[in-house]
Amino acid sequence: MALFTSRKQQKDIKVTFNNGLLHVEADGKTTAYPLDWYPALQNATEEERADWTLTTTGIRFNKLDVDFLL
């Protein structure tokens, strides 16, 4: 049986950190979240922040064991 995925189900997500903020860009819209709300991300290294995957509910920072819900 073939499985099909529509383009609407696929999301291109960009995650960046700047000036104490987590920036999440999805569908051409960027939202910023204060890192004060997420101490594990605030104190993380660049390597820890860069190791993330998109899940069905949000973003998982693998090395930090942190889920960020979108």
Protein backbone atom coordinates (compact mmCIF):
# COMPACT_ATOMS: atom_id res chain seq x y z
CA MET A 1 0.00 0.00 0.00
CA ALA A 2 1.38 3.39 -0.95
CA LEU A 3 1.46 6.21 1.57
CA PHE A 4 0.92 9.77 0.45
CA THR A 5 1.84 13.00 2.20
CA SER A 6 0.34 16.28 1.13
CA ARG A 7 2.51 19.36 0.93
CA LYS A 8 0.33 20.99 3.57
CA GLN A 9 1.45 18.38 6.10
CA GLN A 10 5.12 19.08 5.51
CA LYS A 11 6.56 22.00 7.43
CA ASP A 12 9.83 23.76 6.87
CA ILE A 13 10.98 25.06 10.23
CA LYS A 14 13.94 27.32 10.92
CA VAL A 15 15.18 27.67 14.50
CA THR A 16 17.62 30.41 15.50
CA PHE A 17 18.77 32.06 18.71
CA ASN A 18 19.57 35.76 19.02
CA ASN A 19 19.60 38.40 21.77
CA GLY A 20 18.12 36.11 24.42
CA LEU A 21 15.32 34.93 22.15
CA LEU A 22 14.37 31.70 20.43
CA HIS A 23 13.14 32.46 16.90
CA VAL A 24 10.95 29.90 15.16
CA GLU A 25 10.14 30.49 11.49
CA ALA A 26 7.36 28.41 9.96
CA ASP A 27 5.20 29.07 6.91
CA GLY A 28 6.90 32.43 6.34
CA LYS A 29 6.04 33.68 9.84
CA THR A 30 8.63 34.20 12.57
CA THR A 31 7.74 34.07 16.24
CA ALA A 32 10.18 34.95 19.03
CA TYR A 33 10.12 33.45 22.53
CA PRO A 34 12.19 34.72 25.48
CA LEU A 35 14.81 32.22 26.60
CA ASP A 36 13.98 33.23 30.18
CA TRP A 37 10.93 30.97 29.77
CA TYR A 38 13.18 27.99 28.89
CA PRO A 39 16.19 27.83 31.24
CA ALA A 40 17.50 24.62 29.65
CA LEU A 41 17.73 26.37 26.28
CA GLN A 42 19.09 29.57 27.79
CA ASN A 43 22.01 27.73 29.38
CA ALA A 44 22.61 25.31 26.49
CA THR A 45 25.63 25.24 24.23
CA GLU A 46 25.35 25.96 20.49
CA GLU A 47 25.80 22.22 19.85
CA GLU A 48 22.92 21.33 22.18
CA ARG A 49 20.67 23.97 20.61
CA ALA A 50 21.50 22.81 17.08
CA ASP A 51 20.46 19.19 17.76
CA TRP A 52 16.69 19.40 17.27
CA THR A 53 14.03 17.56 15.34
CA LEU A 54 10.51 18.46 14.30
CA THR A 55 7.83 16.34 15.95
CA THR A 56 4.08 16.18 15.48
CA THR A 57 3.61 18.58 18.42
CA GLY A 58 6.59 20.90 18.06
CA ILE A 59 10.37 20.89 18.33
CA ARG A 60 12.42 18.37 20.31
CA PHE A 61 15.87 19.42 21.49
CA ASN A 62 17.40 15.96 21.64
CA LYS A 63 20.54 16.51 23.73
CA LEU A 64 18.61 18.60 26.26
CA ASP A 65 15.57 16.30 26.52
CA VAL A 66 13.35 19.37 26.02
CA ASP A 67 10.15 19.55 23.98
CA PHE A 68 9.04 22.93 22.67
CA LEU A 69 5.36 22.84 21.71
CA LEU A 70 4.21 24.83 18.70
